[in-house]
Amino acid sequence: MRITALRSTKQGNVAVEADGAFLCAVHPDAWAESGLSVGDPVEGDALAALQTASEFATAKKKALALLGARSYTRRQLCERLSRTASAEAAEAAADRMEELGLLDDVDYALRYARELAENRSYAPRRIRLELRKKGLDRETIEEALASLGDRDDTAAAVALLERRYHMLSTPAEIRRAAALLERCGYDGGVIRTAIHAVRRLGEELADET
């Protein structure tokens, strides 16, 4: 089978015709790198290699677009790419993104752990859970948690309650406060201590007025 014609598709790919019939559509980068032209034979291993290269080029283009919009972990990126590409193409594209410095699980974990600790007041237990959901491995997660340094969980819990409630004066407020701290990953001892501290502070303020 020989290549008899080429044309551009609306998607910007190269439509390849062989023996007068449509054969396949390939990414222009893959076509350029193939070295093939009209009149060349294309079948068997050559055709498989062309299609594999095209799938990789398409996955790489998609990966660049995704990473240009926001950060991803390697697993997240591969899962997104696998919606339209083979697992092999997705993994190869992820490898290329790592080579370019655009995909870095360690850096992602460090930044995300700090965001969760500082902006959401999450305890280490909840941070660990959120990092696992992102597909990060145990070593990377523990490195990210260690980067946060020693942290006073009780002080963080108290600060969170003060921002949310200022005072805890009713059973309903206390229940909501406890539920909030539980969702944020604090253990029972920290929750009780923090609630007691905020209630005592509220009583002191009430006495002053």
N, C-alpha and C. Protein backbone atom coordinates (compact mmCIF):
# COMPACT_ATOMS: atom_id res chain seq x y z
N MET A 1 0.85 -1.19 0.00
CA MET A 1 0.00 0.00 0.00
C MET A 1 0.89 1.24 0.00
N ARG A 2 0.55 2.17 -0.89
CA ARG A 2 1.36 3.39 -1.02
C ARG A 2 0.52 4.64 -0.74
N ILE A 3 1.19 5.65 -0.22
CA ILE A 3 0.54 6.94 0.06
C ILE A 3 0.27 7.62 -1.27
N THR A 4 -0.99 7.96 -1.49
CA THR A 4 -1.36 8.57 -2.77
C THR A 4 -1.77 10.03 -2.64
N ALA A 5 -2.15 10.48 -1.43
CA ALA A 5 -2.56 11.88 -1.28
C ALA A 5 -2.56 12.27 0.20
N LEU A 6 -2.44 13.58 0.41
CA LEU A 6 -2.49 14.14 1.76
C LEU A 6 -3.44 15.34 1.75
N ARG A 7 -4.12 15.56 2.86
CA ARG A 7 -4.93 16.77 3.00
C ARG A 7 -5.02 17.14 4.47
N SER A 8 -5.35 18.39 4.71
CA SER A 8 -5.49 18.87 6.09
C SER A 8 -6.92 18.69 6.56
N THR A 9 -7.08 18.29 7.80
CA THR A 9 -8.41 18.16 8.39
C THR A 9 -8.79 19.44 9.11
N LYS A 10 -10.06 19.56 9.48
CA LYS A 10 -10.51 20.74 10.21
C LYS A 10 -9.83 20.84 11.58
N GLN A 11 -9.41 19.70 12.11
CA GLN A 11 -8.75 19.69 13.42
C GLN A 11 -7.26 20.01 13.33
N GLY A 12 -6.77 20.23 12.11
CA GLY A 12 -5.37 20.57 11.93
C GLY A 12 -4.46 19.37 11.76
N ASN A 13 -5.04 18.18 11.64
CA ASN A 13 -4.24 16.98 11.43
C ASN A 13 -3.99 16.75 9.94
N VAL A 14 -3.19 15.74 9.64
CA VAL A 14 -2.90 15.38 8.26
C VAL A 14 -3.66 14.10 7.94
N ALA A 15 -4.57 14.18 6.98
CA ALA A 15 -5.31 13.01 6.54
C ALA A 15 -4.49 12.32 5.46
N VAL A 16 -4.20 11.05 5.68
CA VAL A 16 -3.35 10.29 4.76
C VAL A 16 -4.22 9.33 3.95
N GLU A 17 -4.06 9.38 2.63
CA GLU A 17 -4.75 8.43 1.76
C GLU A 17 -3.74 7.46 1.19
N ALA A 18 -4.13 6.20 1.13
CA ALA A 18 -3.27 5.17 0.55
C ALA A 18 -4.06 4.39 -0.48
N ASP A 19 -3.47 4.24 -1.64
CA ASP A 19 -4.14 3.54 -2.75
C ASP A 19 -5.51 4.14 -3.03
N GLY A 20 -5.61 5.48 -2.87
CA GLY A 20 -6.82 6.19 -3.22
C GLY A 20 -7.90 6.20 -2.17
N ALA A 21 -7.65 5.60 -1.02
CA ALA A 21 -8.65 5.56 0.05
C ALA A 21 -8.08 6.14 1.33
N PHE A 22 -8.96 6.70 2.18
CA PHE A 22 -8.51 7.26 3.46
C PHE A 22 -7.88 6.16 4.31
N LEU A 23 -6.71 6.48 4.86
CA LEU A 23 -5.99 5.52 5.70
C LEU A 23 -6.06 5.91 7.17
N CYS A 24 -5.64 7.14 7.48
CA CYS A 24 -5.66 7.59 8.87
C CYS A 24 -5.40 9.09 8.91
N ALA A 25 -5.69 9.69 10.07
CA ALA A 25 -5.38 11.10 10.31
C ALA A 25 -4.33 11.14 11.40
N VAL A 26 -3.27 11.90 11.17
CA VAL A 26 -2.17 11.93 12.14
C VAL A 26 -1.83 13.36 12.51
N HIS A 27 -1.24 13.52 13.69
CA HIS A 27 -0.81 14.84 14.14
C HIS A 27 0.29 15.35 13.21
N PRO A 28 0.27 16.65 12.86
CA PRO A 28 1.26 17.17 11.91
C PRO A 28 2.71 16.99 12.37
N ASP A 29 2.95 17.06 13.68
CA ASP A 29 4.32 16.85 14.16
C ASP A 29 4.78 15.42 13.90
N ALA A 30 3.88 14.48 14.14
CA ALA A 30 4.21 13.07 13.90
C ALA A 30 4.45 12.83 12.42
N TRP A 31 3.64 13.47 11.58
CA TRP A 31 3.82 13.31 10.14
C TRP A 31 5.17 13.88 9.70
N ALA A 32 5.50 15.07 10.19
CA ALA A 32 6.76 15.70 9.80
C ALA A 32 7.96 14.86 10.22
N GLU A 33 7.87 14.27 11.40
CA GLU A 33 8.99 13.47 11.91
C GLU A 33 9.09 12.11 11.24
N SER A 34 8.01 11.66 10.62
CA SER A 34 8.02 10.34 9.99
C SER A 34 8.91 10.27 8.75
N GLY A 35 9.04 11.41 8.06
CA GLY A 35 9.84 11.44 6.84
C GLY A 35 9.12 10.85 5.64
N LEU A 36 7.86 10.49 5.81
CA LEU A 36 7.09 9.91 4.71
C LEU A 36 6.58 11.00 3.78
N SER A 37 6.29 10.61 2.54
CA SER A 37 5.72 11.53 1.57
C SER A 37 4.89 10.74 0.56
N VAL A 38 4.17 11.47 -0.28
CA VAL A 38 3.33 10.81 -1.29
C VAL A 38 4.21 9.91 -2.17
N GLY A 39 3.72 8.71 -2.37
CA GLY A 39 4.45 7.73 -3.18
C GLY A 39 5.19 6.70 -2.36
N ASP A 40 5.38 6.98 -1.05
CA ASP A 40 6.09 6.04 -0.19
C ASP A 40 5.16 4.90 0.23
N PRO A 41 5.73 3.70 0.41
CA PRO A 41 4.93 2.60 0.94
C PRO A 41 4.71 2.80 2.44
N VAL A 42 3.53 2.42 2.93
CA VAL A 42 3.26 2.54 4.37
C VAL A 42 2.32 1.42 4.78
N GLU A 43 2.84 0.52 5.57
CA GLU A 43 2.04 -0.59 6.09
C GLU A 43 2.82 -1.28 7.19
N GLY A 44 2.17 -2.15 7.90
CA GLY A 44 2.84 -2.92 8.94
C GLY A 44 3.45 -2.06 10.02
N ASP A 45 4.73 -2.28 10.28
CA ASP A 45 5.42 -1.59 11.36
C ASP A 45 5.47 -0.08 11.12
N ALA A 46 5.64 0.34 9.88
CA ALA A 46 5.72 1.77 9.58
C ALA A 46 4.42 2.47 9.90
N LEU A 47 3.31 1.84 9.58
CA LEU A 47 2.00 2.42 9.86
C LEU A 47 1.75 2.46 11.36
N ALA A 48 2.09 1.38 12.07
CA ALA A 48 1.90 1.33 13.52
C ALA A 48 2.75 2.40 14.21
N ALA A 49 3.98 2.58 13.75
CA ALA A 49 4.86 3.59 14.33
C ALA A 49 4.32 4.99 14.10
N LEU A 50 3.76 5.23 12.91
CA LEU A 50 3.18 6.54 12.59
C LEU A 50 1.99 6.82 13.50
N GLN A 51 1.14 5.86 13.70
CA GLN A 51 -0.04 6.04 14.54
C GLN A 51 0.34 6.22 16.01
N THR A 52 1.34 5.49 16.45
CA THR A 52 1.81 5.64 17.84
C THR A 52 2.39 7.03 18.05
N ALA A 53 3.20 7.48 17.11
CA ALA A 53 3.81 8.80 17.21
C ALA A 53 2.74 9.89 17.19
N SER A 54 1.70 9.68 16.39
CA SER A 54 0.62 10.66 16.31
C SER A 54 -0.13 10.74 17.63
N GLU A 55 -0.40 9.59 18.22
CA GLU A 55 -1.12 9.57 19.48
C GLU A 55 -0.31 10.26 20.58
N PHE A 56 0.99 10.03 20.59
CA PHE A 56 1.86 10.67 21.58
C PHE A 56 1.87 12.19 21.37
N ALA A 57 1.99 12.63 20.12
CA ALA A 57 2.02 14.07 19.83
C ALA A 57 0.71 14.74 20.26
N THR A 58 -0.40 14.06 20.02
CA THR A 58 -1.70 14.60 20.43
C THR A 58 -1.81 14.68 21.94
N ALA A 59 -1.36 13.62 22.63
CA ALA A 59 -1.41 13.60 24.09
C ALA A 59 -0.49 14.68 24.67
N LYS A 60 0.65 14.88 24.05
CA LYS A 60 1.59 15.91 24.52
C LYS A 60 0.98 17.31 24.37
N LYS A 61 0.32 17.54 23.25
CA LYS A 61 -0.33 18.84 23.04
C LYS A 61 -1.42 19.07 24.09
N LYS A 62 -2.20 18.03 24.37
CA LYS A 62 -3.25 18.13 25.39
C LYS A 62 -2.64 18.38 26.76
N ALA A 63 -1.55 17.71 27.06
CA ALA A 63 -0.89 17.88 28.36
C ALA A 63 -0.40 19.31 28.54
N LEU A 64 0.16 19.88 27.50
CA LEU A 64 0.63 21.27 27.57
C LEU A 64 -0.53 22.22 27.83
N ALA A 65 -1.66 21.96 27.19
CA ALA A 65 -2.83 22.82 27.39
C ALA A 65 -3.36 22.69 28.82
N LEU A 66 -3.42 21.48 29.33
CA LEU A 66 -3.91 21.26 30.70
C LEU A 66 -3.01 21.93 31.72
N LEU A 67 -1.71 21.74 31.57
CA LEU A 67 -0.77 22.31 32.54
C LEU A 67 -0.65 23.82 32.41
N GLY A 68 -1.05 24.34 31.26
CA GLY A 68 -1.06 25.78 31.10
C GLY A 68 -2.20 26.44 31.86
N ALA A 69 -3.22 25.62 32.19
CA ALA A 69 -4.39 26.15 32.90
C ALA A 69 -4.25 26.02 34.41
N ARG A 70 -3.68 24.90 34.89
CA ARG A 70 -3.49 24.71 36.32
C ARG A 70 -2.50 23.59 36.57
N SER A 71 -2.14 23.39 37.82
CA SER A 71 -1.20 22.34 38.18
C SER A 71 -1.90 20.99 38.28
N TYR A 72 -1.16 19.94 37.99
CA TYR A 72 -1.64 18.57 38.11
C TYR A 72 -0.55 17.72 38.75
N THR A 73 -0.97 16.64 39.41
CA THR A 73 -0.01 15.61 39.77
C THR A 73 0.13 14.69 38.56
N ARG A 74 1.13 13.85 38.59
CA ARG A 74 1.32 12.95 37.46
C ARG A 74 0.09 12.05 37.27
N ARG A 75 -0.44 11.50 38.36
CA ARG A 75 -1.59 10.61 38.21
C ARG A 75 -2.79 11.35 37.66
N GLN A 76 -3.04 12.57 38.16
CA GLN A 76 -4.17 13.35 37.66
C GLN A 76 -4.03 13.62 36.15
N LEU A 77 -2.82 13.98 35.75
CA LEU A 77 -2.60 14.29 34.34
C LEU A 77 -2.82 13.05 33.48
N CYS A 78 -2.27 11.93 33.90
CA CYS A 78 -2.44 10.69 33.13
C CYS A 78 -3.91 10.29 33.04
N GLU A 79 -4.64 10.48 34.12
CA GLU A 79 -6.06 10.14 34.09
C GLU A 79 -6.81 11.01 33.10
N ARG A 80 -6.50 12.30 33.06
CA ARG A 80 -7.16 13.21 32.10
C ARG A 80 -6.80 12.83 30.67
N LEU A 81 -5.52 12.57 30.43
CA LEU A 81 -5.07 12.24 29.08
C LEU A 81 -5.65 10.91 28.61
N SER A 82 -5.84 9.98 29.54
CA SER A 82 -6.34 8.65 29.19
C SER A 82 -7.80 8.66 28.72
N ARG A 83 -8.47 9.79 28.91
CA ARG A 83 -9.85 9.89 28.41
C ARG A 83 -9.89 9.86 26.89
N THR A 84 -8.82 10.34 26.27
CA THR A 84 -8.79 10.41 24.80
C THR A 84 -7.56 9.73 24.20
N ALA A 85 -6.68 9.20 25.03
CA ALA A 85 -5.45 8.57 24.53
C ALA A 85 -5.24 7.25 25.26
N SER A 86 -4.38 6.43 24.71
CA SER A 86 -4.05 5.16 25.37
C SER A 86 -3.24 5.44 26.62
N ALA A 87 -3.20 4.46 27.52
CA ALA A 87 -2.42 4.61 28.74
C ALA A 87 -0.95 4.83 28.41
N GLU A 88 -0.46 4.16 27.37
CA GLU A 88 0.95 4.30 26.98
C GLU A 88 1.25 5.72 26.51
N ALA A 89 0.36 6.29 25.70
CA ALA A 89 0.56 7.65 25.21
C ALA A 89 0.48 8.65 26.35
N ALA A 90 -0.44 8.42 27.29
CA ALA A 90 -0.60 9.31 28.44
C ALA A 90 0.66 9.29 29.29
N GLU A 91 1.19 8.12 29.54
CA GLU A 91 2.41 8.00 30.35
C GLU A 91 3.60 8.64 29.64
N ALA A 92 3.69 8.44 28.35
CA ALA A 92 4.79 9.04 27.58
C ALA A 92 4.71 10.56 27.59
N ALA A 93 3.49 11.09 27.47
CA ALA A 93 3.31 12.55 27.51
C ALA A 93 3.68 13.09 28.89
N ALA A 94 3.29 12.36 29.94
CA ALA A 94 3.64 12.77 31.31
C ALA A 94 5.14 12.76 31.50
N ASP A 95 5.81 11.75 30.96
CA ASP A 95 7.28 11.69 31.03
C ASP A 95 7.89 12.94 30.40
N ARG A 96 7.34 13.32 29.24
CA ARG A 96 7.87 14.49 28.54
C ARG A 96 7.63 15.77 29.34
N MET A 97 6.48 15.88 29.98
CA MET A 97 6.19 17.05 30.80
C MET A 97 7.17 17.15 31.98
N GLU A 98 7.52 16.00 32.56
CA GLU A 98 8.50 15.98 33.65
C GLU A 98 9.86 16.42 33.14
N GLU A 99 10.24 15.96 31.96
CA GLU A 99 11.52 16.36 31.37
C GLU A 99 11.58 17.87 31.15
N LEU A 100 10.44 18.45 30.80
CA LEU A 100 10.38 19.90 30.55
C LEU A 100 10.25 20.71 31.84
N GLY A 101 10.10 20.02 32.96
CA GLY A 101 9.96 20.72 34.25
C GLY A 101 8.57 21.28 34.49
N LEU A 102 7.59 20.80 33.72
CA LEU A 102 6.22 21.30 33.85
C LEU A 102 5.37 20.44 34.78
N LEU A 103 5.89 19.28 35.14
CA LEU A 103 5.16 18.33 35.99
C LEU A 103 6.11 17.87 37.08
N ASP A 104 5.76 18.17 38.33
CA ASP A 104 6.66 17.87 39.45
C ASP A 104 5.82 17.55 40.68
N ASP A 105 5.70 16.28 40.99
CA ASP A 105 4.86 15.86 42.12
C ASP A 105 5.35 16.39 43.45
N VAL A 106 6.66 16.45 43.63
CA VAL A 106 7.20 16.93 44.91
C VAL A 106 6.84 18.40 45.12
N ASP A 107 7.07 19.20 44.10
CA ASP A 107 6.73 20.62 44.21
C ASP A 107 5.23 20.81 44.42
N TYR A 108 4.42 20.04 43.71
CA TYR A 108 2.96 20.12 43.86
C TYR A 108 2.58 19.81 45.30
N ALA A 109 3.14 18.73 45.85
CA ALA A 109 2.80 18.33 47.21
C ALA A 109 3.19 19.39 48.23
N LEU A 110 4.37 19.97 48.07
CA LEU A 110 4.82 21.01 49.00
C LEU A 110 3.89 22.22 48.98
N ARG A 111 3.54 22.66 47.79
CA ARG A 111 2.69 23.84 47.67
C ARG A 111 1.27 23.57 48.17
N TYR A 112 0.74 22.40 47.82
CA TYR A 112 -0.64 22.09 48.21
C TYR A 112 -0.76 21.87 49.71
N ALA A 113 0.24 21.22 50.30
CA ALA A 113 0.22 21.01 51.75
C ALA A 113 0.24 22.34 52.49
N ARG A 114 1.06 23.27 52.01
CA ARG A 114 1.13 24.58 52.67
C ARG A 114 -0.19 25.34 52.51
N GLU A 115 -0.79 25.24 51.35
CA GLU A 115 -2.08 25.90 51.12
C GLU A 115 -3.15 25.36 52.07
N LEU A 116 -3.19 24.05 52.22
CA LEU A 116 -4.19 23.44 53.09
C LEU A 116 -3.97 23.80 54.55
N ALA A 117 -2.70 23.89 54.95
CA ALA A 117 -2.40 24.23 56.34
C ALA A 117 -2.67 25.70 56.63
N GLU A 118 -2.26 26.57 55.73
CA GLU A 118 -2.34 28.01 55.99
C GLU A 118 -3.70 28.62 55.63
N ASN A 119 -4.28 28.19 54.54
CA ASN A 119 -5.53 28.81 54.09
C ASN A 119 -6.79 28.11 54.58
N ARG A 120 -6.68 26.80 54.87
CA ARG A 120 -7.85 26.06 55.31
C ARG A 120 -7.72 25.53 56.74
N SER A 121 -6.57 25.76 57.33
CA SER A 121 -6.32 25.34 58.72
C SER A 121 -6.51 23.84 58.91
N TYR A 122 -6.17 23.05 57.91
CA TYR A 122 -6.29 21.60 58.02
C TYR A 122 -5.19 21.04 58.93
N ALA A 123 -5.55 20.02 59.69
CA ALA A 123 -4.58 19.30 60.50
C ALA A 123 -3.82 18.32 59.60
N PRO A 124 -2.65 17.85 60.05
CA PRO A 124 -1.86 16.91 59.24
C PRO A 124 -2.64 15.71 58.74
N ARG A 125 -3.53 15.16 59.57
CA ARG A 125 -4.30 14.00 59.14
C ARG A 125 -5.13 14.30 57.91
N ARG A 126 -5.79 15.45 57.89
CA ARG A 126 -6.62 15.81 56.73
C ARG A 126 -5.73 16.16 55.53
N ILE A 127 -4.61 16.82 55.76
CA ILE A 127 -3.70 17.15 54.67
C ILE A 127 -3.20 15.87 54.01
N ARG A 128 -2.84 14.89 54.84
CA ARG A 128 -2.37 13.61 54.30
C ARG A 128 -3.45 12.97 53.42
N LEU A 129 -4.68 13.01 53.87
CA LEU A 129 -5.78 12.44 53.11
C LEU A 129 -5.96 13.14 51.77
N GLU A 130 -5.91 14.48 51.78
CA GLU A 130 -6.10 15.24 50.55
C GLU A 130 -4.97 14.98 49.56
N LEU A 131 -3.75 14.82 50.05
CA LEU A 131 -2.63 14.54 49.16
C LEU A 131 -2.75 13.14 48.56
N ARG A 132 -3.25 12.21 49.34
CA ARG A 132 -3.46 10.86 48.80
C ARG A 132 -4.48 10.88 47.67
N LYS A 133 -5.52 11.71 47.82
CA LYS A 133 -6.55 11.80 46.79
C LYS A 133 -5.97 12.29 45.46
N LYS A 134 -4.88 13.03 45.54
CA LYS A 134 -4.24 13.55 44.34
C LYS A 134 -3.34 12.52 43.66
N GLY A 135 -3.22 11.34 44.28
CA GLY A 135 -2.41 10.30 43.67
C GLY A 135 -0.94 10.36 44.00
N LEU A 136 -0.59 11.10 45.04
CA LEU A 136 0.82 11.23 45.42
C LEU A 136 1.25 10.03 46.26
N ASP A 137 2.51 9.63 46.13
CA ASP A 137 2.99 8.48 46.88
C ASP A 137 3.32 8.86 48.32
N ARG A 138 3.47 7.84 49.16
CA ARG A 138 3.65 8.05 50.59
C ARG A 138 4.89 8.89 50.90
N GLU A 139 5.99 8.60 50.23
CA GLU A 139 7.23 9.33 50.50
C GLU A 139 7.08 10.82 50.20
N THR A 140 6.44 11.12 49.08
CA THR A 140 6.22 12.53 48.70
C THR A 140 5.31 13.22 49.69
N ILE A 141 4.28 12.52 50.14
CA ILE A 141 3.35 13.09 51.11
C ILE A 141 4.04 13.40 52.43
N GLU A 142 4.83 12.46 52.92
CA GLU A 142 5.51 12.67 54.20
C GLU A 142 6.54 13.79 54.10
N GLU A 143 7.17 13.92 52.95
CA GLU A 143 8.12 15.02 52.74
C GLU A 143 7.40 16.36 52.79
N ALA A 144 6.21 16.41 52.19
CA ALA A 144 5.43 17.64 52.20
C ALA A 144 4.98 18.00 53.61
N LEU A 145 4.55 17.02 54.37
CA LEU A 145 4.12 17.28 55.75
C LEU A 145 5.30 17.73 56.61
N ALA A 146 6.46 17.12 56.40
CA ALA A 146 7.65 17.51 57.17
C ALA A 146 8.05 18.95 56.87
N SER A 147 7.77 19.40 55.63
CA SER A 147 8.16 20.76 55.26
C SER A 147 7.37 21.82 56.03
N LEU A 148 6.23 21.41 56.62
CA LEU A 148 5.42 22.36 57.38
C LEU A 148 6.02 22.67 58.75
N GLY A 149 6.98 21.83 59.17
CA GLY A 149 7.64 22.05 60.46
C GLY A 149 6.73 21.70 61.63
N ASP A 150 7.24 22.00 62.82
CA ASP A 150 6.44 21.74 64.03
C ASP A 150 5.26 22.71 64.07
N ARG A 151 4.10 22.17 64.35
CA ARG A 151 2.90 23.01 64.33
C ARG A 151 2.07 22.71 65.56
N ASP A 152 1.55 23.73 66.16
CA ASP A 152 0.70 23.60 67.33
C ASP A 152 -0.74 23.42 66.83
N ASP A 153 -1.20 22.18 66.82
CA ASP A 153 -2.54 21.91 66.30
C ASP A 153 -3.62 22.59 67.12
N THR A 154 -3.43 22.65 68.42
CA THR A 154 -4.44 23.28 69.28
C THR A 154 -4.56 24.76 68.96
N ALA A 155 -3.43 25.43 68.81
CA ALA A 155 -3.45 26.86 68.49
C ALA A 155 -4.12 27.09 67.14
N ALA A 156 -3.84 26.20 66.17
CA ALA A 156 -4.44 26.34 64.85
C ALA A 156 -5.95 26.13 64.92
N ALA A 157 -6.38 25.17 65.74
CA ALA A 157 -7.81 24.89 65.89
C ALA A 157 -8.52 26.06 66.56
N VAL A 158 -7.90 26.62 67.59
CA VAL A 158 -8.47 27.77 68.29
C VAL A 158 -8.61 28.95 67.33
N ALA A 159 -7.55 29.20 66.56
CA ALA A 159 -7.59 30.32 65.62
C ALA A 159 -8.70 30.14 64.59
N LEU A 160 -8.89 28.90 64.13
CA LEU A 160 -9.95 28.63 63.16
C LEU A 160 -11.33 28.90 63.76
N LEU A 161 -11.54 28.44 64.98
CA LEU A 161 -12.84 28.66 65.62
C LEU A 161 -13.10 30.14 65.88
N GLU A 162 -12.07 30.86 66.26
CA GLU A 162 -12.24 32.30 66.51
C GLU A 162 -12.61 33.03 65.23
N ARG A 163 -12.04 32.60 64.11
CA ARG A 163 -12.39 33.25 62.84
C ARG A 163 -13.81 32.92 62.44
N ARG A 164 -14.23 31.69 62.68
CA ARG A 164 -15.56 31.26 62.23
C ARG A 164 -16.68 31.68 63.18
N TYR A 165 -16.43 31.58 64.49
CA TYR A 165 -17.54 31.76 65.43
C TYR A 165 -17.34 32.88 66.44
N HIS A 166 -16.12 33.27 66.68
CA HIS A 166 -15.78 34.31 67.65
C HIS A 166 -16.14 33.85 69.08
N MET A 167 -17.38 33.46 69.29
CA MET A 167 -17.80 32.96 70.60
C MET A 167 -18.61 31.68 70.41
N LEU A 168 -18.54 30.79 71.41
CA LEU A 168 -19.34 29.57 71.41
C LEU A 168 -20.20 29.59 72.67
N SER A 169 -21.44 29.98 72.51
CA SER A 169 -22.29 30.16 73.69
C SER A 169 -23.50 29.24 73.75
N THR A 170 -23.78 28.52 72.65
CA THR A 170 -24.95 27.64 72.65
C THR A 170 -24.51 26.23 72.28
N PRO A 171 -25.31 25.22 72.69
CA PRO A 171 -24.99 23.83 72.31
C PRO A 171 -24.91 23.64 70.80
N ALA A 172 -25.75 24.33 70.06
CA ALA A 172 -25.73 24.19 68.60
C ALA A 172 -24.41 24.72 68.04
N GLU A 173 -23.93 25.85 68.54
CA GLU A 173 -22.66 26.40 68.08
C GLU A 173 -21.51 25.46 68.42
N ILE A 174 -21.56 24.87 69.58
CA ILE A 174 -20.51 23.94 69.99
C ILE A 174 -20.50 22.71 69.10
N ARG A 175 -21.67 22.20 68.74
CA ARG A 175 -21.74 21.04 67.85
C ARG A 175 -21.18 21.37 66.48
N ARG A 176 -21.54 22.56 65.98
CA ARG A 176 -21.02 22.96 64.67
C ARG A 176 -19.51 23.13 64.71
N ALA A 177 -19.01 23.68 65.80
CA ALA A 177 -17.57 23.88 65.93
C ALA A 177 -16.83 22.55 65.97
N ALA A 178 -17.40 21.60 66.72
CA ALA A 178 -16.79 20.28 66.81
C ALA A 178 -16.78 19.58 65.45
N ALA A 179 -17.89 19.71 64.73
CA ALA A 179 -17.99 19.09 63.40
C ALA A 179 -16.98 19.71 62.44
N LEU A 180 -16.80 21.01 62.53
CA LEU A 180 -15.84 21.70 61.67
C LEU A 180 -14.43 21.18 61.92
N LEU A 181 -14.05 21.11 63.18
CA LEU A 181 -12.70 20.65 63.51
C LEU A 181 -12.50 19.18 63.13
N GLU A 182 -13.54 18.39 63.27
CA GLU A 182 -13.45 16.98 62.85
C GLU A 182 -13.20 16.88 61.35
N ARG A 183 -13.93 17.68 60.56
CA ARG A 183 -13.74 17.67 59.11
C ARG A 183 -12.33 18.11 58.73
N CYS A 184 -11.78 18.99 59.51
CA CYS A 184 -10.43 19.50 59.23
C CYS A 184 -9.34 18.54 59.69
N GLY A 185 -9.72 17.45 60.32
CA GLY A 185 -8.75 16.43 60.67
C GLY A 185 -8.17 16.47 62.06
N TYR A 186 -8.73 17.27 62.95
CA TYR A 186 -8.21 17.35 64.32
C TYR A 186 -8.74 16.18 65.14
N ASP A 187 -7.91 15.70 66.08
CA ASP A 187 -8.35 14.58 66.91
C ASP A 187 -9.22 15.08 68.07
N GLY A 188 -9.81 14.12 68.78
CA GLY A 188 -10.77 14.47 69.83
C GLY A 188 -10.20 15.34 70.93
N GLY A 189 -8.96 15.07 71.33
CA GLY A 189 -8.34 15.86 72.39
C GLY A 189 -8.17 17.31 72.00
N VAL A 190 -7.70 17.53 70.78
CA VAL A 190 -7.52 18.90 70.29
C VAL A 190 -8.87 19.59 70.17
N ILE A 191 -9.87 18.89 69.68
CA ILE A 191 -11.20 19.49 69.52
C ILE A 191 -11.75 19.96 70.87
N ARG A 192 -11.68 19.09 71.88
CA ARG A 192 -12.20 19.47 73.20
C ARG A 192 -11.43 20.65 73.78
N THR A 193 -10.12 20.62 73.65
CA THR A 193 -9.30 21.70 74.21
C THR A 193 -9.58 23.02 73.51
N ALA A 194 -9.69 22.98 72.18
CA ALA A 194 -9.92 24.20 71.42
C ALA A 194 -11.29 24.80 71.74
N ILE A 195 -12.30 23.96 71.80
CA ILE A 195 -13.65 24.45 72.11
C ILE A 195 -13.68 25.06 73.51
N HIS A 196 -13.05 24.39 74.44
CA HIS A 196 -13.01 24.92 75.81
C HIS A 196 -12.30 26.28 75.84
N ALA A 197 -11.21 26.41 75.11
CA ALA A 197 -10.46 27.67 75.10
C ALA A 197 -11.29 28.80 74.51
N VAL A 198 -12.00 28.52 73.42
CA VAL A 198 -12.80 29.57 72.77
C VAL A 198 -14.00 29.94 73.64
N ARG A 199 -14.60 28.95 74.29
CA ARG A 199 -15.72 29.26 75.20
C ARG A 199 -15.25 30.12 76.37
N ARG A 200 -14.10 29.79 76.92
CA ARG A 200 -13.57 30.55 78.05
C ARG A 200 -13.26 31.97 77.64
N LEU A 201 -12.68 32.13 76.44
CA LEU A 201 -12.38 33.47 75.95
C LEU A 201 -13.67 34.27 75.77
N GLY A 202 -14.70 33.62 75.27
CA GLY A 202 -15.98 34.31 75.08
C GLY A 202 -16.58 34.75 76.41
N GLU A 203 -16.44 33.89 77.42
CA GLU A 203 -16.97 34.24 78.75
C GLU A 203 -16.21 35.42 79.31
N GLU A 204 -14.90 35.45 79.11
CA GLU A 204 -14.10 36.56 79.63
C GLU A 204 -14.49 37.88 78.94
N LEU A 205 -14.73 37.80 77.63
CA LEU A 205 -15.14 39.00 76.94
C LEU A 205 -16.49 39.48 77.38
N ALA A 206 -17.39 38.53 77.66
CA ALA A 206 -18.73 38.87 78.12
C ALA A 206 -18.67 39.54 79.49
N ASP A 207 -17.78 39.05 80.36
CA ASP A 207 -17.64 39.63 81.69
C ASP A 207 -17.10 41.05 81.63
N GLU A 208 -16.27 41.33 80.66
CA GLU A 208 -15.68 42.68 80.52
C GLU A 208 -16.70 43.69 80.07
N THR A 209 -17.74 43.22 79.37
CA THR A 209 -18.75 44.15 78.87
C THR A 209 -19.90 44.18 79.85
